[in-house]
Amino acid sequence: MAVDSAETLGKIKDGEGVSVVDFTATWCGPCKAIAPHFERMASEAAFEGVTFAKVDIDEHPDIAADHNIQAVPTFCIFRNKKQVAEIQGADLNQLTADITAALKNPTPPSE
């Protein structure tokens, strides 16, 4: 899902469960390399129920600034309205491990 506004991203982050946001750019080689894997993960049974979203930092520099994005790709993982992990770079193994950990180690829902 492509994020088109800060409001849309807020709804994704503030939802119950796990969400993963890929801060990316069209000119970024590593972003292009990991993009097919990120999209594949969104349809895998192991990640059923996880919301996968992308933010193009050039189209939405305000959103990138609000999240202090310093490099692309950067993946932010949220669980029950709290950020539980951040991965800078196209590290598929770390991304998979952190999503799996977020699914197995839930944080309590926000009040």
PDB file of N, CA and C in Angstrom:
ATOM      1  N   MET A   1       0.847  -1.167   0.000  1.00  0.00           N
ATOM      2  CA  MET A   1       0.000   0.000   0.000  1.00  0.00           C
ATOM      3  C   MET A   1       0.898   1.236   0.000  1.00  0.00           C
ATOM      4  N   ALA A   2       0.664   2.120  -0.933  1.00  0.00           N
ATOM      5  CA  ALA A   2       1.413   3.371  -0.986  1.00  0.00           C
ATOM      6  C   ALA A   2       0.734   4.395  -0.081  1.00  0.00           C
ATOM      7  N   VAL A   3       1.514   4.995   0.776  1.00  0.00           N
ATOM      8  CA  VAL A   3       0.994   6.006   1.693  1.00  0.00           C
ATOM      9  C   VAL A   3       0.921   7.328   0.950  1.00  0.00           C
ATOM     10  N   ASP A   4      -0.253   7.957   0.999  1.00  0.00           N
ATOM     11  CA  ASP A   4      -0.445   9.211   0.268  1.00  0.00           C
ATOM     12  C   ASP A   4      -0.548  10.432   1.175  1.00  0.00           C
ATOM     13  N   SER A   5      -0.535  10.229   2.495  1.00  0.00           N
ATOM     14  CA  SER A   5      -0.617  11.370   3.412  1.00  0.00           C
ATOM     15  C   SER A   5      -0.172  10.951   4.808  1.00  0.00           C
ATOM     16  N   ALA A   6       0.146  11.947   5.623  1.00  0.00           N
ATOM     17  CA  ALA A   6       0.508  11.669   7.016  1.00  0.00           C
ATOM     18  C   ALA A   6      -0.673  11.049   7.750  1.00  0.00           C
ATOM     19  N   GLU A   7      -1.879  11.443   7.388  1.00  0.00           N
ATOM     20  CA  GLU A   7      -3.075  10.891   8.016  1.00  0.00           C
ATOM     21  C   GLU A   7      -3.191   9.390   7.729  1.00  0.00           C
ATOM     22  N   THR A   8      -2.961   9.003   6.485  1.00  0.00           N
ATOM     23  CA  THR A   8      -3.005   7.586   6.123  1.00  0.00           C
ATOM     24  C   THR A   8      -1.962   6.799   6.907  1.00  0.00           C
ATOM     25  N   LEU A   9      -0.757   7.330   6.988  1.00  0.00           N
ATOM     26  CA  LEU A   9       0.298   6.649   7.730  1.00  0.00           C
ATOM     27  C   LEU A   9      -0.075   6.550   9.211  1.00  0.00           C
ATOM     28  N   GLY A  10      -0.658   7.599   9.751  1.00  0.00           N
ATOM     29  CA  GLY A  10      -1.088   7.569  11.147  1.00  0.00           C
ATOM     30  C   GLY A  10      -2.077   6.456  11.417  1.00  0.00           C
ATOM     31  N   LYS A  11      -3.012   6.252  10.506  1.00  0.00           N
ATOM     32  CA  LYS A  11      -3.993   5.175  10.660  1.00  0.00           C
ATOM     33  C   LYS A  11      -3.314   3.805  10.615  1.00  0.00           C
ATOM     34  N   ILE A  12      -2.311   3.665   9.758  1.00  0.00           N
ATOM     35  CA  ILE A  12      -1.582   2.402   9.658  1.00  0.00           C
ATOM     36  C   ILE A  12      -0.807   2.142  10.950  1.00  0.00           C
ATOM     37  N   LYS A  13      -0.050   3.127  11.399  1.00  0.00           N
ATOM     38  CA  LYS A  13       0.767   2.977  12.602  1.00  0.00           C
ATOM     39  C   LYS A  13      -0.078   2.778  13.852  1.00  0.00           C
ATOM     40  N   ASP A  14      -1.203   3.436  13.913  1.00  0.00           N
ATOM     41  CA  ASP A  14      -2.030   3.404  15.117  1.00  0.00           C
ATOM     42  C   ASP A  14      -3.024   2.257  15.156  1.00  0.00           C
ATOM     43  N   GLY A  15      -2.980   1.400  14.153  1.00  0.00           N
ATOM     44  CA  GLY A  15      -3.859   0.243  14.137  1.00  0.00           C
ATOM     45  C   GLY A  15      -3.370  -0.818  15.110  1.00  0.00           C
ATOM     46  N   GLU A  16      -4.248  -1.721  15.455  1.00  0.00           N
ATOM     47  CA  GLU A  16      -3.854  -2.849  16.294  1.00  0.00           C
ATOM     48  C   GLU A  16      -3.065  -3.830  15.438  1.00  0.00           C
ATOM     49  N   GLY A  17      -2.189  -4.576  16.047  1.00  0.00           N
ATOM     50  CA  GLY A  17      -1.403  -5.554  15.322  1.00  0.00           C
ATOM     51  C   GLY A  17      -0.095  -4.972  14.821  1.00  0.00           C
ATOM     52  N   VAL A  18       0.493  -5.646  13.844  1.00  0.00           N
ATOM     53  CA  VAL A  18       1.818  -5.289  13.335  1.00  0.00           C
ATOM     54  C   VAL A  18       1.688  -4.594  11.987  1.00  0.00           C
ATOM     55  N   SER A  19       2.440  -3.515  11.826  1.00  0.00           N
ATOM     56  CA  SER A  19       2.534  -2.854  10.522  1.00  0.00           C
ATOM     57  C   SER A  19       4.000  -2.556  10.235  1.00  0.00           C
ATOM     58  N   VAL A  20       4.345  -2.604   8.953  1.00  0.00           N
ATOM     59  CA  VAL A  20       5.712  -2.361   8.505  1.00  0.00           C
ATOM     60  C   VAL A  20       5.658  -1.256   7.460  1.00  0.00           C
ATOM     61  N   VAL A  21       6.453  -0.209   7.675  1.00  0.00           N
ATOM     62  CA  VAL A  21       6.479   0.913   6.745  1.00  0.00           C
ATOM     63  C   VAL A  21       7.868   0.988   6.122  1.00  0.00           C
ATOM     64  N   ASP A  22       7.899   0.949   4.802  1.00  0.00           N
ATOM     65  CA  ASP A  22       9.129   1.039   4.022  1.00  0.00           C
ATOM     66  C   ASP A  22       9.272   2.471   3.535  1.00  0.00           C
ATOM     67  N   PHE A  23      10.266   3.189   4.075  1.00  0.00           N
ATOM     68  CA  PHE A  23      10.583   4.526   3.582  1.00  0.00           C
ATOM     69  C   PHE A  23      11.577   4.322   2.444  1.00  0.00           C
ATOM     70  N   THR A  24      11.185   4.751   1.247  1.00  0.00           N
ATOM     71  CA  THR A  24      11.907   4.389   0.033  1.00  0.00           C
ATOM     72  C   THR A  24      12.031   5.593  -0.898  1.00  0.00           C
ATOM     73  N   ALA A  25      12.776   5.421  -1.976  1.00  0.00           N
ATOM     74  CA  ALA A  25      12.908   6.444  -3.018  1.00  0.00           C
ATOM     75  C   ALA A  25      13.103   5.740  -4.361  1.00  0.00           C
ATOM     76  N   THR A  26      12.560   6.333  -5.401  1.00  0.00           N
ATOM     77  CA  THR A  26      12.636   5.708  -6.722  1.00  0.00           C
ATOM     78  C   THR A  26      14.065   5.633  -7.260  1.00  0.00           C
ATOM     79  N   TRP A  27      14.937   6.535  -6.835  1.00  0.00           N
ATOM     80  CA  TRP A  27      16.313   6.574  -7.329  1.00  0.00           C
ATOM     81  C   TRP A  27      17.251   5.657  -6.546  1.00  0.00           C
ATOM     82  N   CYS A  28      16.768   5.019  -5.507  1.00  0.00           N
ATOM     83  CA  CYS A  28      17.593   4.235  -4.587  1.00  0.00           C
ATOM     84  C   CYS A  28      17.759   2.802  -5.070  1.00  0.00           C
ATOM     85  N   GLY A  29      19.002   2.409  -5.395  1.00  0.00           N
ATOM     86  CA  GLY A  29      19.280   1.053  -5.858  1.00  0.00           C
ATOM     87  C   GLY A  29      18.907  -0.024  -4.848  1.00  0.00           C
ATOM     88  N   PRO A  30      19.353   0.082  -3.594  1.00  0.00           N
ATOM     89  CA  PRO A  30      18.975  -0.927  -2.608  1.00  0.00           C
ATOM     90  C   PRO A  30      17.457  -1.003  -2.393  1.00  0.00           C
ATOM     91  N   CYS A  31      16.770   0.133  -2.512  1.00  0.00           N
ATOM     92  CA  CYS A  31      15.304   0.132  -2.389  1.00  0.00           C
ATOM     93  C   CYS A  31      14.689  -0.711  -3.503  1.00  0.00           C
ATOM     94  N   LYS A  32      15.208  -0.533  -4.714  1.00  0.00           N
ATOM     95  CA  LYS A  32      14.701  -1.304  -5.852  1.00  0.00           C
ATOM     96  C   LYS A  32      14.999  -2.789  -5.685  1.00  0.00           C
ATOM     97  N   ALA A  33      16.143  -3.095  -5.095  1.00  0.00           N
ATOM     98  CA  ALA A  33      16.532  -4.493  -4.931  1.00  0.00           C
ATOM     99  C   ALA A  33      15.641  -5.226  -3.919  1.00  0.00           C
ATOM    100  N   ILE A  34      15.260  -4.556  -2.852  1.00  0.00           N
ATOM    101  CA  ILE A  34      14.475  -5.229  -1.816  1.00  0.00           C
ATOM    102  C   ILE A  34      12.968  -5.126  -2.066  1.00  0.00           C
ATOM    103  N   ALA A  35      12.547  -4.219  -2.931  1.00  0.00           N
ATOM    104  CA  ALA A  35      11.106  -4.001  -3.173  1.00  0.00           C
ATOM    105  C   ALA A  35      10.344  -5.276  -3.536  1.00  0.00           C
ATOM    106  N   PRO A  36      10.831  -6.128  -4.438  1.00  0.00           N
ATOM    107  CA  PRO A  36      10.069  -7.339  -4.758  1.00  0.00           C
ATOM    108  C   PRO A  36       9.910  -8.275  -3.551  1.00  0.00           C
ATOM    109  N   HIS A  37      10.915  -8.318  -2.699  1.00  0.00           N
ATOM    110  CA  HIS A  37      10.852  -9.163  -1.509  1.00  0.00           C
ATOM    111  C   HIS A  37       9.831  -8.604  -0.508  1.00  0.00           C
ATOM    112  N   PHE A  38       9.824  -7.281  -0.358  1.00  0.00           N
ATOM    113  CA  PHE A  38       8.869  -6.622   0.540  1.00  0.00           C
ATOM    114  C   PHE A  38       7.444  -6.893   0.057  1.00  0.00           C
ATOM    115  N   GLU A  39       7.234  -6.777  -1.237  1.00  0.00           N
ATOM    116  CA  GLU A  39       5.902  -7.026  -1.799  1.00  0.00           C
ATOM    117  C   GLU A  39       5.506  -8.496  -1.656  1.00  0.00           C
ATOM    118  N   ARG A  40       6.456  -9.402  -1.827  1.00  0.00           N
ATOM    119  CA  ARG A  40       6.181 -10.832  -1.665  1.00  0.00           C
ATOM    120  C   ARG A  40       5.801 -11.141  -0.225  1.00  0.00           C
ATOM    121  N   MET A  41       6.499 -10.529   0.724  1.00  0.00           N
ATOM    122  CA  MET A  41       6.212 -10.767   2.139  1.00  0.00           C
ATOM    123  C   MET A  41       4.761 -10.417   2.474  1.00  0.00           C
ATOM    124  N   ALA A  42       4.236  -9.398   1.829  1.00  0.00           N
ATOM    125  CA  ALA A  42       2.872  -8.950   2.098  1.00  0.00           C
ATOM    126  C   ALA A  42       1.842 -10.021   1.765  1.00  0.00           C
ATOM    127  N   SER A  43       2.215 -10.970   0.906  1.00  0.00           N
ATOM    128  CA  SER A  43       1.261 -12.018   0.527  1.00  0.00           C
ATOM    129  C   SER A  43       1.591 -13.382   1.129  1.00  0.00           C
ATOM    130  N   GLU A  44       2.629 -13.455   1.950  1.00  0.00           N
ATOM    131  CA  GLU A  44       3.021 -14.732   2.552  1.00  0.00           C
ATOM    132  C   GLU A  44       2.159 -15.057   3.769  1.00  0.00           C
ATOM    133  N   ALA A  45       1.833 -16.325   3.912  1.00  0.00           N
ATOM    134  CA  ALA A  45       1.012 -16.776   5.038  1.00  0.00           C
ATOM    135  C   ALA A  45       1.672 -16.472   6.382  1.00  0.00           C
ATOM    136  N   ALA A  46       2.996 -16.538   6.445  1.00  0.00           N
ATOM    137  CA  ALA A  46       3.707 -16.279   7.704  1.00  0.00           C
ATOM    138  C   ALA A  46       3.471 -14.866   8.220  1.00  0.00           C
ATOM    139  N   PHE A  47       3.126 -13.948   7.306  1.00  0.00           N
ATOM    140  CA  PHE A  47       2.924 -12.551   7.693  1.00  0.00           C
ATOM    141  C   PHE A  47       1.472 -12.122   7.522  1.00  0.00           C
ATOM    142  N   GLU A  48       0.571 -13.100   7.559  1.00  0.00           N
ATOM    143  CA  GLU A  48      -0.853 -12.795   7.435  1.00  0.00           C
ATOM    144  C   GLU A  48      -1.271 -11.846   8.558  1.00  0.00           C
ATOM    145  N   GLY A  49      -2.021 -10.823   8.182  1.00  0.00           N
ATOM    146  CA  GLY A  49      -2.488  -9.851   9.161  1.00  0.00           C
ATOM    147  C   GLY A  49      -1.555  -8.666   9.353  1.00  0.00           C
ATOM    148  N   VAL A  50      -0.330  -8.759   8.833  1.00  0.00           N
ATOM    149  CA  VAL A  50       0.612  -7.646   8.923  1.00  0.00           C
ATOM    150  C   VAL A  50       0.275  -6.649   7.820  1.00  0.00           C
ATOM    151  N   THR A  51       0.263  -5.374   8.161  1.00  0.00           N
ATOM    152  CA  THR A  51       0.035  -4.324   7.175  1.00  0.00           C
ATOM    153  C   THR A  51       1.383  -3.860   6.642  1.00  0.00           C
ATOM    154  N   PHE A  52       1.551  -3.891   5.325  1.00  0.00           N
ATOM    155  CA  PHE A  52       2.779  -3.445   4.673  1.00  0.00           C
ATOM    156  C   PHE A  52       2.473  -2.155   3.916  1.00  0.00           C
ATOM    157  N   ALA A  53       3.296  -1.125   4.137  1.00  0.00           N
ATOM    158  CA  ALA A  53       3.064   0.163   3.481  1.00  0.00           C
ATOM    159  C   ALA A  53       4.396   0.760   3.036  1.00  0.00           C
ATOM    160  N   LYS A  54       4.309   1.635   2.025  1.00  0.00           N
ATOM    161  CA  LYS A  54       5.502   2.307   1.504  1.00  0.00           C
ATOM    162  C   LYS A  54       5.291   3.809   1.509  1.00  0.00           C
ATOM    163  N   VAL A  55       6.353   4.529   1.867  1.00  0.00           N
ATOM    164  CA  VAL A  55       6.352   5.983   1.804  1.00  0.00           C
ATOM    165  C   VAL A  55       7.506   6.404   0.906  1.00  0.00           C
ATOM    166  N   ASP A  56       7.197   7.084  -0.190  1.00  0.00           N
ATOM    167  CA  ASP A  56       8.233   7.641  -1.058  1.00  0.00           C
ATOM    168  C   ASP A  56       8.702   8.948  -0.422  1.00  0.00           C
ATOM    169  N   ILE A  57       9.966   8.994  -0.008  1.00  0.00           N
ATOM    170  CA  ILE A  57      10.456  10.168   0.727  1.00  0.00           C
ATOM    171  C   ILE A  57      10.530  11.423  -0.144  1.00  0.00           C
ATOM    172  N   ASP A  58      10.609  11.250  -1.459  1.00  0.00           N
ATOM    173  CA  ASP A  58      10.640  12.414  -2.342  1.00  0.00           C
ATOM    174  C   ASP A  58       9.244  12.994  -2.537  1.00  0.00           C
ATOM    175  N   GLU A  59       8.228  12.137  -2.538  1.00  0.00           N
ATOM    176  CA  GLU A  59       6.852  12.605  -2.659  1.00  0.00           C
ATOM    177  C   GLU A  59       6.324  13.146  -1.334  1.00  0.00           C
ATOM    178  N   HIS A  60       6.866  12.631  -0.226  1.00  0.00           N
ATOM    179  CA  HIS A  60       6.376  13.012   1.105  1.00  0.00           C
ATOM    180  C   HIS A  60       7.539  13.313   2.051  1.00  0.00           C
ATOM    181  N   PRO A  61       8.319  14.365   1.748  1.00  0.00           N
ATOM    182  CA  PRO A  61       9.469  14.679   2.602  1.00  0.00           C
ATOM    183  C   PRO A  61       9.055  15.054   4.026  1.00  0.00           C
ATOM    184  N   ASP A  62       7.855  15.585   4.191  1.00  0.00           N
ATOM    185  CA  ASP A  62       7.373  15.945   5.526  1.00  0.00           C
ATOM    186  C   ASP A  62       7.189  14.708   6.391  1.00  0.00           C
ATOM    187  N   ILE A  63       6.675  13.637   5.807  1.00  0.00           N
ATOM    188  CA  ILE A  63       6.481  12.386   6.549  1.00  0.00           C
ATOM    189  C   ILE A  63       7.839  11.798   6.921  1.00  0.00           C
ATOM    190  N   ALA A  64       8.776  11.810   5.979  1.00  0.00           N
ATOM    191  CA  ALA A  64      10.120  11.302   6.261  1.00  0.00           C
ATOM    192  C   ALA A  64      10.773  12.108   7.375  1.00  0.00           C
ATOM    193  N   ALA A  65      10.617  13.418   7.342  1.00  0.00           N
ATOM    194  CA  ALA A  65      11.191  14.274   8.384  1.00  0.00           C
ATOM    195  C   ALA A  65      10.545  14.002   9.737  1.00  0.00           C
ATOM    196  N   ASP A  66       9.239  13.816   9.746  1.00  0.00           N
ATOM    197  CA  ASP A  66       8.524  13.529  10.999  1.00  0.00           C
ATOM    198  C   ASP A  66       9.017  12.235  11.646  1.00  0.00           C
ATOM    199  N   HIS A  67       9.517  11.305  10.836  1.00  0.00           N
ATOM    200  CA  HIS A  67       9.991  10.026  11.339  1.00  0.00           C
ATOM    201  C   HIS A  67      11.515   9.958  11.398  1.00  0.00           C
ATOM    202  N   ASN A  68      12.161  11.106  11.202  1.00  0.00           N
ATOM    203  CA  ASN A  68      13.620  11.224  11.302  1.00  0.00           C
ATOM    204  C   ASN A  68      14.345  10.206  10.416  1.00  0.00           C
ATOM    205  N   ILE A  69      13.866  10.051   9.187  1.00  0.00           N
ATOM    206  CA  ILE A  69      14.475   9.117   8.248  1.00  0.00           C
ATOM    207  C   ILE A  69      15.772   9.727   7.720  1.00  0.00           C
ATOM    208  N   GLN A  70      16.878   9.018   7.943  1.00  0.00           N
ATOM    209  CA  GLN A  70      18.202   9.500   7.561  1.00  0.00           C
ATOM    210  C   GLN A  70      18.779   8.752   6.369  1.00  0.00           C
ATOM    211  N   ALA A  71      18.194   7.602   6.034  1.00  0.00           N
ATOM    212  CA  ALA A  71      18.710   6.775   4.939  1.00  0.00           C
ATOM    213  C   ALA A  71      17.551   5.985   4.349  1.00  0.00           C
ATOM    214  N   VAL A  72      17.721   5.584   3.096  1.00  0.00           N
ATOM    215  CA  VAL A  72      16.730   4.706   2.471  1.00  0.00           C
ATOM    216  C   VAL A  72      17.445   3.476   1.936  1.00  0.00           C
ATOM    217  N   PRO A  73      16.789   2.333   1.977  1.00  0.00           N
ATOM    218  CA  PRO A  73      15.496   2.150   2.620  1.00  0.00           C
ATOM    219  C   PRO A  73      15.628   2.111   4.145  1.00  0.00           C
ATOM    220  N   THR A  74      14.590   2.564   4.801  1.00  0.00           N
ATOM    221  CA  THR A  74      14.445   2.389   6.242  1.00  0.00           C
ATOM    222  C   THR A  74      13.084   1.757   6.469  1.00  0.00           C
ATOM    223  N   PHE A  75      13.077   0.701   7.245  1.00  0.00           N
ATOM    224  CA  PHE A  75      11.836   0.003   7.573  1.00  0.00           C
ATOM    225  C   PHE A  75      11.522   0.249   9.040  1.00  0.00           C
ATOM    226  N   CYS A  76      10.323   0.720   9.312  1.00  0.00           N
ATOM    227  CA  CYS A  76       9.865   0.911  10.679  1.00  0.00           C
ATOM    228  C   CYS A  76       8.757  -0.096  10.943  1.00  0.00           C
ATOM    229  N   ILE A  77       8.888  -0.807  12.051  1.00  0.00           N
ATOM    230  CA  ILE A  77       7.905  -1.816  12.417  1.00  0.00           C
ATOM    231  C   ILE A  77       7.156  -1.339  13.649  1.00  0.00           C
ATOM    232  N   PHE A  78       5.835  -1.366  13.545  1.00  0.00           N
ATOM    233  CA  PHE A  78       4.966  -0.915  14.629  1.00  0.00           C
ATOM    234  C   PHE A  78       4.118  -2.074  15.117  1.00  0.00           C
ATOM    235  N   ARG A  79       3.872  -2.099  16.402  1.00  0.00           N
ATOM    236  CA  ARG A  79       2.995  -3.105  17.005  1.00  0.00           C
ATOM    237  C   ARG A  79       2.129  -2.385  18.034  1.00  0.00           C
ATOM    238  N   ASN A  80       0.822  -2.451  17.836  1.00  0.00           N
ATOM    239  CA  ASN A  80      -0.122  -1.836  18.766  1.00  0.00           C
ATOM    240  C   ASN A  80       0.249  -0.389  19.099  1.00  0.00           C
ATOM    241  N   LYS A  81       0.480   0.397  18.055  1.00  0.00           N
ATOM    242  CA  LYS A  81       0.688   1.840  18.131  1.00  0.00           C
ATOM    243  C   LYS A  81       2.079   2.259  18.612  1.00  0.00           C
ATOM    244  N   LYS A  82       2.982   1.313  18.782  1.00  0.00           N
ATOM    245  CA  LYS A  82       4.336   1.643  19.231  1.00  0.00           C
ATOM    246  C   LYS A  82       5.351   1.119  18.224  1.00  0.00           C
ATOM    247  N   GLN A  83       6.390   1.934  17.963  1.00  0.00           N
ATOM    248  CA  GLN A  83       7.460   1.453  17.089  1.00  0.00           C
ATOM    249  C   GLN A  83       8.308   0.471  17.883  1.00  0.00           C
ATOM    250  N   VAL A  84       8.483  -0.728  17.318  1.00  0.00           N
ATOM    251  CA  VAL A  84       9.238  -1.769  18.013  1.00  0.00           C
ATOM    252  C   VAL A  84      10.566  -2.096  17.332  1.00  0.00           C
ATOM    253  N   ALA A  85      10.764  -1.604  16.107  1.00  0.00           N
ATOM    254  CA  ALA A  85      12.032  -1.865  15.409  1.00  0.00           C
ATOM    255  C   ALA A  85      12.208  -0.883  14.262  1.00  0.00           C
ATOM    256  N   GLU A  86      13.473  -0.659  13.909  1.00  0.00           N
ATOM    257  CA  GLU A  86      13.828   0.143  12.737  1.00  0.00           C
ATOM    258  C   GLU A  86      15.047  -0.485  12.102  1.00  0.00           C
ATOM    259  N   ILE A  87      14.978  -0.703  10.805  1.00  0.00           N
ATOM    260  CA  ILE A  87      16.084  -1.293  10.060  1.00  0.00           C
ATOM    261  C   ILE A  87      16.479  -0.319   8.960  1.00  0.00           C
ATOM    262  N   GLN A  88      17.731   0.107   8.961  1.00  0.00           N
ATOM    263  CA  GLN A  88      18.242   0.935   7.873  1.00  0.00           C
ATOM    264  C   GLN A  88      18.997   0.029   6.922  1.00  0.00           C
ATOM    265  N   GLY A  89      18.677   0.149   5.651  1.00  0.00           N
ATOM    266  CA  GLY A  89      19.349  -0.656   4.641  1.00  0.00           C
ATOM    267  C   GLY A  89      18.489  -1.811   4.176  1.00  0.00           C
ATOM    268  N   ALA A  90      18.911  -2.415   3.092  1.00  0.00           N
ATOM    269  CA  ALA A  90      18.144  -3.486   2.453  1.00  0.00           C
ATOM    270  C   ALA A  90      18.549  -4.841   3.015  1.00  0.00           C
ATOM    271  N   ASP A  91      18.362  -5.015   4.314  1.00  0.00           N
ATOM    272  CA  ASP A  91      18.734  -6.251   5.000  1.00  0.00           C
ATOM    273  C   ASP A  91      17.498  -7.132   5.166  1.00  0.00           C
ATOM    274  N   LEU A  92      17.259  -7.997   4.187  1.00  0.00           N
ATOM    275  CA  LEU A  92      16.067  -8.830   4.177  1.00  0.00           C
ATOM    276  C   LEU A  92      16.022  -9.771   5.379  1.00  0.00           C
ATOM    277  N   ASN A  93      17.159 -10.326   5.759  1.00  0.00           N
ATOM    278  CA  ASN A  93      17.184 -11.238   6.905  1.00  0.00           C
ATOM    279  C   ASN A  93      16.782 -10.513   8.187  1.00  0.00           C
ATOM    280  N   GLN A  94      17.309  -9.319   8.399  1.00  0.00           N
ATOM    281  CA  GLN A  94      16.965  -8.551   9.604  1.00  0.00           C
ATOM    282  C   GLN A  94      15.507  -8.127   9.571  1.00  0.00           C
ATOM    283  N   LEU A  95      15.025  -7.723   8.417  1.00  0.00           N
ATOM    284  CA  LEU A  95      13.633  -7.326   8.277  1.00  0.00           C
ATOM    285  C   LEU A  95      12.710  -8.494   8.621  1.00  0.00           C
ATOM    286  N   THR A  96      13.008  -9.656   8.071  1.00  0.00           N
ATOM    287  CA  THR A  96      12.199 -10.845   8.347  1.00  0.00           C
ATOM    288  C   THR A  96      12.238 -11.193   9.829  1.00  0.00           C
ATOM    289  N   ALA A  97      13.419 -11.158  10.422  1.00  0.00           N
ATOM    290  CA  ALA A  97      13.571 -11.489  11.842  1.00  0.00           C
ATOM    291  C   ALA A  97      12.802 -10.509  12.730  1.00  0.00           C
ATOM    292  N   ASP A  98      12.872  -9.217  12.401  1.00  0.00           N
ATOM    293  CA  ASP A  98      12.202  -8.214  13.231  1.00  0.00           C
ATOM    294  C   ASP A  98      10.679  -8.284  13.102  1.00  0.00           C
ATOM    295  N   ILE A  99      10.180  -8.581  11.908  1.00  0.00           N
ATOM    296  CA  ILE A  99       8.730  -8.741  11.748  1.00  0.00           C
ATOM    297  C   ILE A  99       8.269  -9.979  12.516  1.00  0.00           C
ATOM    298  N   THR A 100       9.019 -11.052  12.391  1.00  0.00           N
ATOM    299  CA  THR A 100       8.680 -12.286  13.103  1.00  0.00           C
ATOM    300  C   THR A 100       8.686 -12.051  14.613  1.00  0.00           C
ATOM    301  N   ALA A 101       9.686 -11.331  15.109  1.00  0.00           N
ATOM    302  CA  ALA A 101       9.761 -11.023  16.543  1.00  0.00           C
ATOM    303  C   ALA A 101       8.564 -10.180  16.984  1.00  0.00           C
ATOM    304  N   ALA A 102       8.172  -9.226  16.163  1.00  0.00           N
ATOM    305  CA  ALA A 102       7.021  -8.380  16.510  1.00  0.00           C
ATOM    306  C   ALA A 102       5.739  -9.205  16.581  1.00  0.00           C
ATOM    307  N   LEU A 103       5.631 -10.198  15.726  1.00  0.00           N
ATOM    308  CA  LEU A 103       4.453 -11.064  15.746  1.00  0.00           C
ATOM    309  C   LEU A 103       4.452 -11.992  16.963  1.00  0.00           C
ATOM    310  N   LYS A 104       5.635 -12.430  17.389  1.00  0.00           N
ATOM    311  CA  LYS A 104       5.734 -13.378  18.504  1.00  0.00           C
ATOM    312  C   LYS A 104       5.761 -12.702  19.866  1.00  0.00           C
ATOM    313  N   ASN A 105       6.244 -11.478  19.923  1.00  0.00           N
ATOM    314  CA  ASN A 105       6.418 -10.774  21.184  1.00  0.00           C
ATOM    315  C   ASN A 105       5.568  -9.513  21.222  1.00  0.00           C
ATOM    316  N   PRO A 106       4.286  -9.684  21.355  1.00  0.00           N
ATOM    317  CA  PRO A 106       3.418  -8.513  21.298  1.00  0.00           C
ATOM    318  C   PRO A 106       3.612  -7.585  22.492  1.00  0.00           C
ATOM    319  N   THR A 107       3.494  -6.313  22.199  1.00  0.00           N
ATOM    320  CA  THR A 107       3.461  -5.317  23.269  1.00  0.00           C
ATOM    321  C   THR A 107       2.007  -5.102  23.636  1.00  0.00           C
ATOM    322  N   PRO A 108       1.734  -4.715  24.846  1.00  0.00           N
ATOM    323  CA  PRO A 108       0.328  -4.507  25.209  1.00  0.00           C
ATOM    324  C   PRO A 108      -0.286  -3.366  24.418  1.00  0.00           C
ATOM    325  N   PRO A 109      -1.577  -3.454  24.112  1.00  0.00           N
ATOM    326  CA  PRO A 109      -2.219  -2.371  23.387  1.00  0.00           C
ATOM    327  C   PRO A 109      -2.167  -1.073  24.178  1.00  0.00           C
ATOM    328  N   SER A 110      -2.100   0.027  23.466  1.00  0.00           N
ATOM    329  CA  SER A 110      -2.124   1.348  24.115  1.00  0.00           C
ATOM    330  C   SER A 110      -3.478   1.609  24.722  1.00  0.00           C
ATOM    331  N   GLU A 111      -3.483   2.393  25.747  1.00  0.00           N
ATOM    332  CA  GLU A 111      -4.763   2.716  26.390  1.00  0.00           C
ATOM    333  C   GLU A 111      -5.240   4.050  25.915  1.00  0.00           C
TER     334      GLU A 111
END
